[in-house]
N, C-alpha and C. Protein backbone atom coordinates (compact mmCIF):
# COMPACT_ATOMS: atom_id res chain seq x y z
N MET A 1 -15.03 0.89 -20.17
CA MET A 1 -15.60 1.75 -19.79
C MET A 1 -15.70 2.90 -20.56
N ALA A 2 -16.81 3.91 -19.84
CA ALA A 2 -17.22 5.24 -21.30
C ALA A 2 -15.75 5.93 -21.41
N ALA A 3 -15.72 6.14 -22.46
CA ALA A 3 -14.23 6.73 -23.22
C ALA A 3 -14.56 8.37 -22.62
N GLY A 4 -16.34 8.74 -22.53
CA GLY A 4 -16.65 10.20 -22.53
C GLY A 4 -17.76 10.43 -21.47
N CYS A 5 -18.19 11.70 -21.18
CA CYS A 5 -18.98 12.53 -20.27
C CYS A 5 -19.93 12.96 -20.83
N CYS A 6 -21.01 12.39 -21.56
CA CYS A 6 -21.67 13.75 -21.82
C CYS A 6 -22.80 13.79 -21.02
N GLY A 7 -23.19 14.71 -21.11
CA GLY A 7 -24.19 15.22 -19.87
C GLY A 7 -23.24 15.19 -18.82
N CYS A 8 -22.62 15.26 -18.97
CA CYS A 8 -21.61 15.55 -17.18
C CYS A 8 -21.89 16.58 -16.77
N GLU A 9 -22.32 16.94 -15.24
CA GLU A 9 -22.35 18.13 -14.45
C GLU A 9 -20.99 18.44 -14.58
N THR A 10 -20.44 19.65 -15.36
CA THR A 10 -19.12 20.84 -14.80
C THR A 10 -19.26 21.03 -13.13
N SER A 11 -20.06 21.43 -12.64
CA SER A 11 -20.08 22.15 -11.35
C SER A 11 -19.33 20.99 -10.37
N PRO A 12 -18.76 21.01 -8.96
CA PRO A 12 -18.25 20.98 -8.09
C PRO A 12 -19.55 20.13 -7.49
N PRO A 13 -19.62 18.20 -7.24
CA PRO A 13 -20.52 17.35 -7.01
C PRO A 13 -20.29 18.28 -5.13
N PRO A 14 -22.04 17.63 -4.79
CA PRO A 14 -22.42 17.51 -3.60
C PRO A 14 -20.92 17.01 -2.64
N ASP A 15 -20.85 17.43 -1.50
CA ASP A 15 -19.65 16.93 -0.55
C ASP A 15 -20.38 15.85 -0.10
N ASP A 16 -19.30 15.10 -0.25
CA ASP A 16 -19.31 13.16 0.30
C ASP A 16 -19.07 12.98 1.41
N LYS A 17 -19.19 12.79 2.23
CA LYS A 17 -18.74 12.79 3.99
C LYS A 17 -18.02 11.00 4.07
N ALA A 18 -18.86 9.77 3.50
CA ALA A 18 -18.58 8.93 3.13
C ALA A 18 -17.31 8.13 2.29
N TRP A 19 -17.66 9.06 0.90
CA TRP A 19 -16.60 8.95 0.12
C TRP A 19 -15.24 9.04 0.90
N ARG A 20 -14.95 10.87 1.49
CA ARG A 20 -13.44 11.30 1.88
C ARG A 20 -12.76 10.44 3.04
N ARG A 21 -13.82 10.26 4.22
CA ARG A 21 -13.61 9.30 5.07
C ARG A 21 -12.89 7.91 4.34
N VAL A 22 -13.80 7.61 3.27
CA VAL A 22 -12.73 5.78 3.24
C VAL A 22 -11.53 6.14 2.74
N LEU A 23 -11.87 7.21 2.23
CA LEU A 23 -10.07 8.18 0.83
C LEU A 23 -9.20 8.10 2.39
N TRP A 24 -9.71 8.81 3.69
CA TRP A 24 -9.04 8.68 4.29
C TRP A 24 -7.65 7.79 5.16
N ILE A 25 -9.24 6.51 5.46
CA ILE A 25 -8.85 5.41 5.48
C ILE A 25 -7.59 4.27 4.66
N ALA A 26 -7.79 4.38 3.38
CA ALA A 26 -7.09 4.25 2.57
C ALA A 26 -5.94 5.06 2.22
N LEU A 27 -5.95 5.57 2.43
CA LEU A 27 -4.51 6.61 2.58
C LEU A 27 -3.94 6.08 4.02
N ALA A 28 -4.27 6.08 4.85
CA ALA A 28 -3.11 5.64 5.90
C ALA A 28 -2.55 3.82 5.22
N ILE A 29 -3.61 3.17 5.07
CA ILE A 29 -3.41 1.98 4.76
C ILE A 29 -2.30 2.02 3.99
N ASN A 30 -2.41 2.05 2.85
CA ASN A 30 -1.05 2.32 1.52
C ASN A 30 0.06 3.41 2.24
N ALA A 31 -0.09 3.99 2.97
CA ALA A 31 1.11 4.92 3.37
C ALA A 31 2.33 3.50 4.05
N GLY A 32 1.44 3.32 4.96
CA GLY A 32 1.96 2.30 6.57
C GLY A 32 2.45 1.34 5.44
N MET A 33 1.54 0.09 4.41
CA MET A 33 1.75 -0.67 3.88
C MET A 33 3.27 -0.30 2.60
N PHE A 34 3.41 0.85 2.25
CA PHE A 34 4.59 1.62 1.24
C PHE A 34 5.75 1.00 2.21
N ALA A 35 6.15 1.46 3.08
CA ALA A 35 7.03 1.66 4.37
C ALA A 35 7.75 -0.59 4.36
N VAL A 36 6.59 -0.55 4.87
CA VAL A 36 6.13 -2.11 5.05
C VAL A 36 7.26 -3.11 3.81
N GLU A 37 6.34 -2.67 2.74
CA GLU A 37 6.84 -3.37 1.17
C GLU A 37 8.37 -3.40 1.28
N ILE A 38 8.85 -2.21 1.17
CA ILE A 38 9.50 -1.64 0.63
C ILE A 38 11.19 -1.81 1.38
N VAL A 39 10.76 -2.23 2.73
CA VAL A 39 12.26 -2.65 3.15
C VAL A 39 11.99 -4.28 3.13
N GLY A 40 10.96 -3.89 3.23
CA GLY A 40 10.59 -5.85 2.99
C GLY A 40 11.63 -6.59 1.70
N GLY A 41 10.87 -5.77 0.66
CA GLY A 41 11.48 -6.20 -0.74
C GLY A 41 12.84 -5.99 -0.71
N VAL A 42 13.40 -5.09 -0.15
CA VAL A 42 15.32 -5.07 -0.57
C VAL A 42 15.93 -6.14 0.97
N ALA A 43 14.85 -6.12 1.53
CA ALA A 43 15.66 -7.52 2.18
C ALA A 43 15.29 -8.30 1.20
N ALA A 44 13.98 -8.66 0.73
CA ALA A 44 14.35 -10.08 0.23
C ALA A 44 15.00 -10.80 -1.54
N ALA A 45 15.15 -8.93 -1.61
CA ALA A 45 15.42 -9.33 -2.96
C ALA A 45 14.41 -9.38 -3.45
N SER A 46 13.24 -8.97 -3.49
CA SER A 46 12.34 -9.19 -4.27
C SER A 46 12.02 -8.09 -5.17
N ALA A 47 11.93 -8.25 -7.16
CA ALA A 47 11.49 -7.14 -8.14
C ALA A 47 9.87 -7.29 -7.44
N ALA A 48 9.15 -8.23 -6.83
CA ALA A 48 7.52 -8.28 -7.19
C ALA A 48 7.02 -7.71 -5.74
N LEU A 49 7.82 -7.84 -4.54
CA LEU A 49 7.53 -6.48 -3.88
C LEU A 49 8.28 -5.24 -3.96
N GLN A 50 9.33 -4.98 -4.14
CA GLN A 50 9.19 -3.68 -4.48
C GLN A 50 8.19 -2.47 -5.64
N ALA A 51 7.89 -3.76 -6.72
CA ALA A 51 6.79 -3.61 -7.18
C ALA A 51 5.83 -2.84 -6.68
N ASP A 52 5.17 -3.61 -5.73
CA ASP A 52 4.03 -3.66 -5.10
C ASP A 52 4.29 -2.44 -4.67
N ALA A 53 5.49 -2.30 -3.35
CA ALA A 53 5.67 -1.49 -2.53
C ALA A 53 5.42 0.08 -3.40
N LEU A 54 6.11 0.22 -4.80
CA LEU A 54 5.14 1.15 -4.90
C LEU A 54 4.20 1.14 -5.64
N ASP A 55 3.75 0.65 -6.29
CA ASP A 55 2.16 0.22 -6.20
C ASP A 55 1.34 1.29 -5.21
N PHE A 56 2.07 1.11 -3.66
CA PHE A 56 1.35 1.67 -2.69
C PHE A 56 1.75 3.07 -2.34
N LEU A 57 2.70 3.14 -2.95
CA LEU A 57 3.47 4.63 -2.89
C LEU A 57 2.30 5.34 -4.14
N GLY A 58 2.18 4.69 -5.02
CA GLY A 58 1.50 5.73 -5.92
C GLY A 58 -0.03 5.38 -5.81
N ASP A 59 -0.51 5.26 -4.55
CA ASP A 59 -2.04 5.12 -4.21
C ASP A 59 -2.63 5.45 -3.58
N SER A 60 -0.86 5.71 -2.25
CA SER A 60 -1.25 7.22 -1.45
C SER A 60 -1.22 8.12 -1.90
N ALA A 61 -0.95 8.97 -3.22
CA ALA A 61 -0.31 9.64 -4.25
C ALA A 61 -2.27 9.63 -4.29
N ASN A 62 -2.36 8.87 -4.95
CA ASN A 62 -3.70 8.88 -5.86
C ASN A 62 -4.75 8.86 -4.56
N TYR A 63 -4.81 8.62 -3.50
CA TYR A 63 -5.51 8.95 -2.84
C TYR A 63 -5.47 10.64 -2.06
N ALA A 64 -4.46 10.53 -1.70
CA ALA A 64 -4.69 12.24 -1.48
C ALA A 64 -4.43 13.46 -1.82
N ILE A 65 -4.62 12.90 -3.71
CA ILE A 65 -5.03 14.06 -5.01
C ILE A 65 -6.61 14.46 -4.99
N SER A 66 -7.33 12.67 -4.91
CA SER A 66 -8.72 12.38 -4.54
C SER A 66 -9.23 13.31 -3.77
N LEU A 67 -8.72 13.52 -2.28
CA LEU A 67 -9.33 14.75 -1.15
C LEU A 67 -9.45 15.47 -1.47
N GLY A 68 -7.83 16.02 -2.35
CA GLY A 68 -7.75 17.25 -2.55
C GLY A 68 -8.63 17.90 -3.53
N VAL A 69 -9.57 17.34 -4.54
CA VAL A 69 -9.95 17.37 -5.64
C VAL A 69 -12.21 17.05 -5.43
N ALA A 70 -11.81 16.28 -4.21
CA ALA A 70 -13.50 16.15 -5.01
C ALA A 70 -14.36 16.92 -4.28
N GLY A 71 -14.11 17.95 -4.35
CA GLY A 71 -15.53 19.02 -3.40
C GLY A 71 -15.47 19.80 -5.07
N LEU A 72 -14.41 19.53 -6.27
CA LEU A 72 -13.82 20.99 -6.99
C LEU A 72 -15.42 20.30 -8.13
N ALA A 73 -14.53 21.09 -9.52
CA ALA A 73 -15.64 21.09 -10.56
C ALA A 73 -15.30 19.80 -11.56
N LEU A 74 -15.67 19.24 -12.53
CA LEU A 74 -15.41 18.13 -13.14
C LEU A 74 -14.53 18.20 -14.14
N LYS A 75 -13.92 19.06 -14.64
CA LYS A 75 -12.08 19.98 -15.26
C LYS A 75 -11.27 19.69 -14.22
N TRP A 76 -11.69 20.12 -12.84
CA TRP A 76 -10.68 19.34 -12.20
C TRP A 76 -9.81 18.60 -11.61
N ARG A 77 -11.05 18.02 -11.18
CA ARG A 77 -11.01 16.17 -11.37
C ARG A 77 -10.63 15.54 -12.32
N ALA A 78 -10.86 16.22 -13.29
CA ALA A 78 -10.61 15.31 -14.60
C ALA A 78 -9.34 15.60 -14.87
N ARG A 79 -8.39 16.82 -14.91
CA ARG A 79 -7.82 16.70 -14.96
C ARG A 79 -6.62 16.12 -13.76
N ALA A 80 -7.08 16.22 -12.52
CA ALA A 80 -6.31 15.20 -11.68
C ALA A 80 -6.08 14.60 -11.79
N ALA A 81 -7.41 13.19 -11.82
CA ALA A 81 -7.40 11.87 -13.43
C ALA A 81 -6.14 11.36 -14.19
N TRP A 82 -6.24 12.68 -14.72
CA TRP A 82 -4.90 12.74 -16.36
C TRP A 82 -3.83 12.48 -15.77
N PHE A 83 -3.76 13.26 -14.82
CA PHE A 83 -2.46 13.32 -14.15
C PHE A 83 -1.82 11.92 -13.11
N LYS A 84 -3.17 11.58 -12.57
CA LYS A 84 -2.85 10.07 -11.69
C LYS A 84 -2.52 8.71 -13.26
N GLY A 85 -3.44 8.80 -13.73
CA GLY A 85 -3.44 7.73 -14.87
C GLY A 85 -1.98 7.75 -15.72
N ALA A 86 -1.26 9.48 -15.93
CA ALA A 86 -0.10 9.37 -16.94
C ALA A 86 1.01 8.78 -15.06
N SER A 87 0.87 8.76 -14.67
CA SER A 87 1.85 8.38 -13.19
C SER A 87 2.10 7.28 -13.52
N LEU A 88 1.05 6.36 -13.61
CA LEU A 88 0.28 5.09 -13.23
C LEU A 88 1.33 4.55 -14.49
N LEU A 89 1.15 5.15 -15.17
CA LEU A 89 1.96 4.80 -16.67
C LEU A 89 3.08 4.72 -16.82
N LEU A 90 3.99 6.25 -16.21
CA LEU A 90 5.49 6.06 -15.51
C LEU A 90 6.21 5.00 -14.86
N LEU A 91 5.16 4.44 -13.39
CA LEU A 91 5.54 3.31 -12.38
C LEU A 91 5.56 2.63 -13.22
N GLY A 92 4.88 2.03 -14.09
CA GLY A 92 4.47 0.48 -14.87
C GLY A 92 5.63 0.25 -15.95
N PHE A 93 6.48 1.78 -16.52
CA PHE A 93 7.43 1.17 -17.53
C PHE A 93 8.61 1.34 -16.12
N TRP A 94 8.71 2.09 -15.58
CA TRP A 94 10.02 1.70 -14.82
C TRP A 94 9.92 0.33 -14.04
N VAL A 95 9.00 -0.04 -13.37
CA VAL A 95 8.70 -1.07 -12.71
C VAL A 95 9.51 -2.54 -14.25
N LEU A 96 8.73 -2.43 -15.03
CA LEU A 96 9.63 -3.65 -15.89
C LEU A 96 11.26 -3.11 -16.32
N ALA A 97 11.44 -1.65 -16.55
CA ALA A 97 12.49 -2.04 -16.61
C ALA A 97 13.72 -2.12 -15.93
N SER A 98 12.90 -1.94 -13.86
CA SER A 98 13.94 -2.56 -12.48
C SER A 98 13.73 -4.32 -13.03
N THR A 99 12.51 -4.75 -13.59
CA THR A 99 12.52 -6.55 -13.46
C THR A 99 13.59 -6.73 -14.59
N VAL A 100 13.57 -6.53 -15.77
CA VAL A 100 14.61 -6.56 -16.80
C VAL A 100 16.17 -6.60 -15.16
N TRP A 101 16.25 -4.78 -15.31
CA TRP A 101 17.99 -5.34 -14.60
C TRP A 101 18.07 -6.10 -13.88
N MET A 102 16.89 -6.86 -12.45
CA MET A 102 16.99 -8.24 -11.94
C MET A 102 16.97 -9.00 -12.44
N ALA A 103 16.95 -9.30 -13.54
CA ALA A 103 16.73 -10.61 -13.76
C ALA A 103 18.26 -10.09 -14.31
N LEU A 104 18.74 -9.61 -15.29
CA LEU A 104 20.67 -9.54 -15.05
C LEU A 104 20.77 -9.91 -14.06
N ALA A 105 20.48 -9.23 -13.42
CA ALA A 105 21.28 -9.50 -12.04
C ALA A 105 21.45 -10.68 -11.61
N GLY A 106 20.64 -12.06 -11.31
CA GLY A 106 20.07 -13.40 -11.34
C GLY A 106 20.17 -13.27 -9.87
N SER A 107 19.95 -12.80 -9.28
CA SER A 107 19.79 -12.50 -7.63
C SER A 107 18.38 -13.87 -7.43
N LEU A 108 18.45 -14.40 -5.72
CA LEU A 108 17.04 -15.35 -5.75
C LEU A 108 16.55 -14.48 -4.46
N PRO A 109 15.13 -14.33 -4.51
CA PRO A 109 14.99 -13.66 -3.52
C PRO A 109 14.50 -14.64 -2.88
N HIS A 110 14.61 -14.03 -1.11
CA HIS A 110 13.96 -15.17 0.13
C HIS A 110 12.42 -15.20 -0.20
N ALA A 111 11.75 -16.60 -0.43
CA ALA A 111 10.08 -17.12 -0.71
C ALA A 111 9.83 -16.37 0.88
N GLU A 112 9.87 -16.84 2.03
CA GLU A 112 9.79 -16.83 3.30
C GLU A 112 8.99 -15.58 3.91
N THR A 113 10.10 -14.22 2.76
CA THR A 113 9.65 -13.12 3.16
C THR A 113 8.57 -12.55 2.50
N MET A 114 8.98 -12.83 0.83
CA MET A 114 7.91 -12.29 0.21
C MET A 114 6.65 -12.92 0.86
N GLY A 115 6.13 -14.29 0.97
CA GLY A 115 5.27 -14.45 1.41
C GLY A 115 3.87 -13.93 2.32
N VAL A 116 5.17 -13.56 3.77
CA VAL A 116 4.36 -13.36 5.01
C VAL A 116 4.00 -11.59 4.36
N ILE A 117 5.23 -10.83 3.55
CA ILE A 117 4.73 -9.41 3.29
C ILE A 117 3.79 -9.08 1.99
N GLY A 118 3.32 -10.17 1.11
CA GLY A 118 2.64 -10.52 0.70
C GLY A 118 0.91 -10.82 0.70
N LEU A 119 1.27 -11.45 1.98
CA LEU A 119 -0.40 -11.73 2.72
C LEU A 119 -0.85 -10.92 3.78
N LEU A 120 -0.24 -9.99 4.04
CA LEU A 120 -0.21 -9.08 4.90
C LEU A 120 -0.87 -7.62 3.58
N ALA A 121 0.26 -7.45 2.66
CA ALA A 121 -0.30 -6.70 2.35
C ALA A 121 -1.63 -7.20 0.86
N LEU A 122 -2.11 -8.12 0.71
CA LEU A 122 -3.45 -9.10 -0.13
C LEU A 122 -3.65 -8.58 1.57
N ALA A 123 -4.32 -8.84 2.71
CA ALA A 123 -5.20 -7.93 3.48
C ALA A 123 -5.85 -6.73 3.41
N ALA A 124 -4.20 -5.88 3.25
CA ALA A 124 -4.52 -4.36 3.59
C ALA A 124 -5.95 -3.99 2.04
N ASN A 125 -4.67 -4.71 1.23
CA ASN A 125 -5.91 -3.97 0.05
C ASN A 125 -7.35 -5.31 -0.39
N ILE A 126 -7.52 -5.80 0.40
CA ILE A 126 -8.93 -6.51 0.11
C ILE A 126 -9.80 -5.27 0.69
N SER A 127 -9.04 -5.16 1.61
CA SER A 127 -9.87 -3.95 2.78
C SER A 127 -9.94 -2.79 2.33
N CYS A 128 -9.14 -2.24 1.22
CA CYS A 128 -9.52 -1.04 0.52
C CYS A 128 -10.52 -1.41 -0.71
N ALA A 129 -10.20 -2.60 -1.50
CA ALA A 129 -11.32 -2.49 -2.46
C ALA A 129 -12.74 -2.79 -1.82
N LEU A 130 -12.36 -3.10 -0.47
CA LEU A 130 -14.48 -3.78 -0.32
C LEU A 130 -14.90 -2.48 0.03
N MET A 131 -13.67 -1.41 0.53
CA MET A 131 -14.60 -0.03 1.37
C MET A 131 -14.67 0.75 0.31
N LEU A 132 -13.68 0.55 -1.14
CA LEU A 132 -13.86 1.02 -2.30
C LEU A 132 -15.22 1.00 -3.66
N TRP A 133 -15.99 -0.36 -3.31
CA TRP A 133 -16.42 -0.80 -4.20
C TRP A 133 -17.70 0.06 -4.09
N ARG A 134 -18.32 0.80 -3.32
CA ARG A 134 -19.76 0.89 -3.75
C ARG A 134 -19.50 2.23 -4.57
N HIS A 135 -18.04 2.68 -3.75
CA HIS A 135 -17.62 4.34 -4.79
C HIS A 135 -17.15 4.08 -5.93
N ARG A 136 -17.48 2.76 -6.79
CA ARG A 136 -16.43 2.55 -8.18
C ARG A 136 -17.01 3.11 -9.12
N GLU A 137 -18.60 3.61 -9.01
CA GLU A 137 -18.82 4.55 -10.85
C GLU A 137 -19.04 5.87 -10.05
N GLY A 138 -19.11 6.63 -11.42
CA GLY A 138 -18.60 7.73 -11.26
C GLY A 138 -17.57 8.34 -12.13
N ASP A 139 -17.06 9.59 -11.91
CA ASP A 139 -16.20 10.20 -12.82
C ASP A 139 -14.71 9.81 -12.50
N ALA A 140 -13.84 10.16 -13.72
CA ALA A 140 -12.04 9.21 -14.43
C ALA A 140 -11.62 9.43 -12.95
N ASN A 141 -11.96 10.53 -11.60
CA ASN A 141 -11.10 10.90 -10.63
C ASN A 141 -11.55 10.04 -10.15
N ARG A 142 -12.74 9.81 -9.74
CA ARG A 142 -13.28 8.57 -8.31
C ARG A 142 -12.90 6.89 -9.14
N ARG A 143 -13.16 6.89 -10.21
CA ARG A 143 -13.31 5.57 -10.99
C ARG A 143 -11.59 5.29 -10.45
N SER A 144 -10.95 6.10 -10.72
CA SER A 144 -9.44 5.66 -11.11
C SER A 144 -8.93 4.69 -9.65
N VAL A 145 -9.41 5.34 -8.54
CA VAL A 145 -9.26 5.09 -7.57
C VAL A 145 -9.82 3.21 -6.89
N TRP A 146 -11.06 3.06 -7.54
CA TRP A 146 -11.23 2.17 -7.51
C TRP A 146 -10.04 0.84 -8.43
N ILE A 147 -9.66 1.97 -9.59
CA ILE A 147 -9.02 0.48 -10.46
C ILE A 147 -7.81 0.36 -9.56
N CYS A 148 -7.50 1.55 -8.82
CA CYS A 148 -5.67 1.19 -8.47
C CYS A 148 -6.03 0.52 -7.72
N SER A 149 -7.04 0.23 -6.90
CA SER A 149 -7.36 -1.08 -5.55
C SER A 149 -7.25 -2.13 -6.14
N ARG A 150 -8.38 -2.50 -7.56
CA ARG A 150 -8.36 -3.62 -7.91
C ARG A 150 -7.82 -4.03 -7.80
N ASN A 151 -6.60 -3.50 -9.06
CA ASN A 151 -5.32 -3.58 -9.23
C ASN A 151 -4.02 -4.46 -8.32
N ASP A 152 -4.26 -3.93 -7.41
CA ASP A 152 -3.58 -3.68 -6.03
C ASP A 152 -4.22 -5.14 -5.80
N ALA A 153 -5.22 -5.54 -5.42
CA ALA A 153 -5.80 -6.71 -4.37
C ALA A 153 -5.20 -8.21 -5.87
N ILE A 154 -5.69 -7.69 -7.24
CA ILE A 154 -4.84 -9.08 -7.84
C ILE A 154 -3.20 -9.32 -7.94
N GLY A 155 -2.38 -8.20 -7.73
CA GLY A 155 -1.28 -8.06 -7.81
C GLY A 155 -0.67 -8.78 -6.49
N ASN A 156 -1.41 -8.55 -5.47
CA ASN A 156 -0.69 -8.94 -4.09
C ASN A 156 -1.26 -10.63 -3.96
N ILE A 157 -2.52 -11.05 -5.37
CA ILE A 157 -2.00 -12.56 -5.19
C ILE A 157 -1.51 -12.91 -5.98
N ALA A 158 -0.57 -12.41 -7.38
CA ALA A 158 0.25 -12.96 -7.58
C ALA A 158 1.42 -12.92 -6.65
N VAL A 159 1.91 -11.69 -5.95
CA VAL A 159 2.47 -11.55 -5.15
C VAL A 159 3.02 -13.40 -4.44
N VAL A 160 1.46 -13.23 -3.10
CA VAL A 160 1.62 -14.70 -2.69
C VAL A 160 2.12 -15.92 -3.75
N ALA A 161 1.48 -16.17 -5.01
CA ALA A 161 1.79 -17.26 -6.34
C ALA A 161 3.68 -17.19 -6.32
N ALA A 162 3.77 -16.40 -6.47
CA ALA A 162 5.22 -15.89 -6.74
C ALA A 162 5.88 -16.67 -5.44
N ALA A 163 6.20 -16.24 -4.07
CA ALA A 163 6.35 -16.51 -3.54
C ALA A 163 6.26 -18.40 -3.48
N LEU A 164 5.04 -18.82 -3.88
CA LEU A 164 4.97 -20.06 -3.85
C LEU A 164 6.32 -20.94 -4.79
N GLY A 165 6.20 -19.75 -5.87
CA GLY A 165 6.60 -20.18 -6.96
C GLY A 165 8.24 -20.28 -6.53
N VAL A 166 8.69 -19.60 -6.27
CA VAL A 166 10.08 -19.08 -5.53
C VAL A 166 10.82 -20.41 -4.74
N PHE A 167 9.71 -20.56 -3.79
CA PHE A 167 10.40 -21.75 -2.90
C PHE A 167 10.00 -22.71 -3.92
N GLY A 168 9.02 -23.34 -3.93
CA GLY A 168 8.81 -24.89 -4.88
C GLY A 168 10.09 -25.12 -5.94
N THR A 169 10.64 -23.79 -6.63
CA THR A 169 11.48 -23.79 -7.91
C THR A 169 12.97 -23.73 -7.56
N GLY A 170 12.94 -23.18 -6.20
CA GLY A 170 14.63 -22.28 -6.48
C GLY A 170 14.72 -21.41 -7.08
N SER A 171 13.99 -20.75 -8.12
CA SER A 171 14.42 -20.21 -9.24
C SER A 171 13.56 -18.42 -8.68
N GLY A 172 14.50 -17.89 -9.49
CA GLY A 172 13.73 -15.79 -9.42
C GLY A 172 12.52 -15.58 -10.37
N TRP A 173 12.40 -16.73 -11.16
CA TRP A 173 12.22 -16.44 -12.59
C TRP A 173 10.13 -16.14 -11.92
N PRO A 174 9.72 -16.64 -11.48
CA PRO A 174 8.20 -16.63 -10.46
C PRO A 174 8.30 -15.17 -9.57
N ASP A 175 9.41 -14.89 -9.02
CA ASP A 175 9.21 -13.22 -8.52
C ASP A 175 9.50 -12.16 -9.95
N LEU A 176 9.76 -12.52 -10.91
CA LEU A 176 10.06 -11.44 -12.00
C LEU A 176 9.02 -11.34 -13.08
N VAL A 177 8.65 -12.92 -13.00
CA VAL A 177 6.93 -12.89 -13.83
C VAL A 177 6.25 -12.18 -13.15
N VAL A 178 5.63 -12.08 -12.29
CA VAL A 178 4.94 -11.36 -11.14
C VAL A 178 5.31 -10.09 -10.99
N ALA A 179 6.27 -8.91 -11.02
CA ALA A 179 6.67 -8.29 -11.02
C ALA A 179 6.57 -7.49 -12.63
N GLY A 180 7.00 -7.76 -13.55
CA GLY A 180 5.75 -8.15 -14.93
C GLY A 180 4.30 -7.79 -15.17
N ILE A 181 4.09 -9.03 -14.09
CA ILE A 181 2.40 -8.88 -14.70
C ILE A 181 1.70 -7.45 -13.75
N LEU A 182 2.62 -6.63 -12.74
CA LEU A 182 2.20 -5.86 -12.02
C LEU A 182 2.56 -4.54 -12.52
N ALA A 183 3.57 -4.62 -13.36
CA ALA A 183 3.85 -3.01 -14.45
C ALA A 183 2.83 -3.16 -15.57
N SER A 184 2.53 -4.83 -16.39
CA SER A 184 1.63 -4.41 -17.31
C SER A 184 0.22 -4.05 -16.77
N LEU A 185 -0.60 -4.38 -15.05
CA LEU A 185 -1.71 -3.24 -14.99
C LEU A 185 -1.14 -2.73 -14.73
N GLY A 186 -0.30 -2.02 -14.33
CA GLY A 186 -0.26 -0.36 -14.25
C GLY A 186 -0.79 0.45 -15.36
N ILE A 187 0.32 0.17 -16.26
CA ILE A 187 0.67 -0.01 -17.56
C ILE A 187 -1.35 0.78 -18.64
N SER A 188 -2.34 -0.92 -18.00
CA SER A 188 -3.32 -1.22 -18.96
C SER A 188 -4.25 -0.35 -18.07
N GLY A 189 -4.10 -0.21 -16.75
CA GLY A 189 -5.17 1.08 -15.81
C GLY A 189 -4.25 2.36 -15.80
N GLY A 190 -3.60 3.40 -16.02
CA GLY A 190 -2.82 4.11 -16.30
C GLY A 190 -3.86 4.44 -18.09
N TRP A 191 -3.55 4.16 -18.28
CA TRP A 191 -4.42 4.23 -19.75
C TRP A 191 -5.71 4.05 -19.50
N GLN A 192 -6.66 3.46 -19.40
CA GLN A 192 -7.85 3.19 -18.77
C GLN A 192 -8.39 4.48 -18.18
N ILE A 193 -7.82 5.25 -17.16
CA ILE A 193 -7.97 6.48 -16.64
C ILE A 193 -7.58 7.60 -17.16
N ILE A 194 -6.51 7.38 -18.22
CA ILE A 194 -6.50 9.10 -19.18
C ILE A 194 -7.57 8.74 -19.97
N ARG A 195 -7.71 7.44 -20.15
CA ARG A 195 -8.73 7.37 -21.43
C ARG A 195 -10.11 8.15 -21.36
N GLN A 196 -10.75 8.40 -19.86
CA GLN A 196 -11.58 8.60 -19.45
C GLN A 196 -11.46 9.92 -18.70
N ALA A 197 -10.54 10.42 -18.55
CA ALA A 197 -10.00 11.40 -18.25
C ALA A 197 -10.06 12.78 -19.63
N ARG A 198 -9.74 11.82 -20.38
CA ARG A 198 -9.73 12.92 -21.77
C ARG A 198 -11.28 13.26 -22.41
N GLY A 199 -12.00 11.76 -22.23
CA GLY A 199 -13.09 12.27 -22.69
C GLY A 199 -14.14 13.17 -21.69
N GLU A 200 -13.39 13.99 -20.86
CA GLU A 200 -14.45 14.15 -19.49
C GLU A 200 -14.05 15.44 -19.72
N LEU A 201 -12.59 15.48 -20.34
CA LEU A 201 -12.41 17.26 -20.67
C LEU A 201 -13.24 17.56 -21.62
N ALA A 202 -12.97 16.62 -23.20
CA ALA A 202 -13.52 16.75 -23.79
C ALA A 202 -14.38 17.41 -23.61
N SER A 203 -15.74 16.47 -22.86
CA SER A 203 -16.98 17.33 -22.51
C SER A 203 -17.26 18.65 -22.31
N VAL A 204 -16.73 18.70 -20.93
CA VAL A 204 -16.40 19.88 -20.69
C VAL A 204 -16.19 21.23 -21.73
N ALA A 205 -15.58 20.96 -22.52
CA ALA A 205 -15.09 22.10 -23.51
C ALA A 205 -16.22 22.38 -24.31
N ALA A 206 -16.68 21.43 -24.63
CA ALA A 206 -17.64 21.04 -25.46
C ALA A 206 -18.45 22.50 -24.77
N GLU A 207 -19.37 21.96 -23.83
CA GLU A 207 -20.06 22.38 -23.13
C GLU A 207 -19.69 23.27 -22.46
N GLN A 208 -18.63 24.29 -22.41
CA GLN A 208 -18.16 25.69 -22.23
C GLN A 208 -17.92 26.28 -24.11
N ARG A 209 -18.44 25.87 -24.70
CA ARG A 209 -18.17 26.59 -26.11
C ARG A 209 -19.35 26.26 -26.41
N ALA A 210 -20.75 25.60 -26.15
CA ALA A 210 -22.07 26.14 -26.39
C ALA A 210 -22.42 26.81 -25.81
N ALA A 211 -22.50 27.05 -24.89
CA ALA A 211 -22.66 28.23 -23.53
C ALA A 211 -22.46 29.53 -24.26
N ARG A 212 -21.32 29.48 -24.79
CA ARG A 212 -20.32 30.77 -25.16
C ARG A 212 -21.40 31.11 -26.28
N GLY A 213 -21.31 29.81 -26.92
CA GLY A 213 -22.28 30.34 -28.09
C GLY A 213 -24.14 30.81 -27.98
N ALA A 214 -23.98 30.54 -27.27
CA ALA A 214 -25.91 30.30 -26.38
C ALA A 214 -25.73 32.36 -26.49
N ALA A 215 -24.90 32.27 -25.25
CA ALA A 215 -24.39 33.47 -24.82
C ALA A 215 -24.56 34.98 -25.70
């Protein structure tokens, strides 16, 4: 991923109605799946489902922020992306801590509930990822949306695999391992978003200094 944005325009981009429409649809899907997974995760005593539910919540906020800054200048879009990246990092570390706590508690999740909700979440995230595929390139704000959707689809495949692992072994460790993977994906994705956003902010600052020097 490019860390900077040399030559990027600092003015607001043209209004992209297709982009906004996709974001509204993705926002509705993620908000609904957060409610389903958080209830199901608690009922199934599944760290992986609860981690994925928090990811749906983070994505809902991600899409809402992206809608709010879609027509603004690069500086504001990069700042929004930096905030989203930092939130993703914090969420990832929180999930890691929660996973350790559940490992110490030694609870056994309900594999059947994990599997059904995991498949539903996978279908929702694949739908979002396919819609966002054509919008994956661009500034850090737009790219952050694609990174989150990609990570979600990968994470849901892992949740379904964890359900099969719990069912086959009678152990809660597959669930905990997947929760750890989801946390790692969040931390990695958050760092990628922050890195590109910092590069874009540095490019904006350099262009502003150059403009003041030429005045």
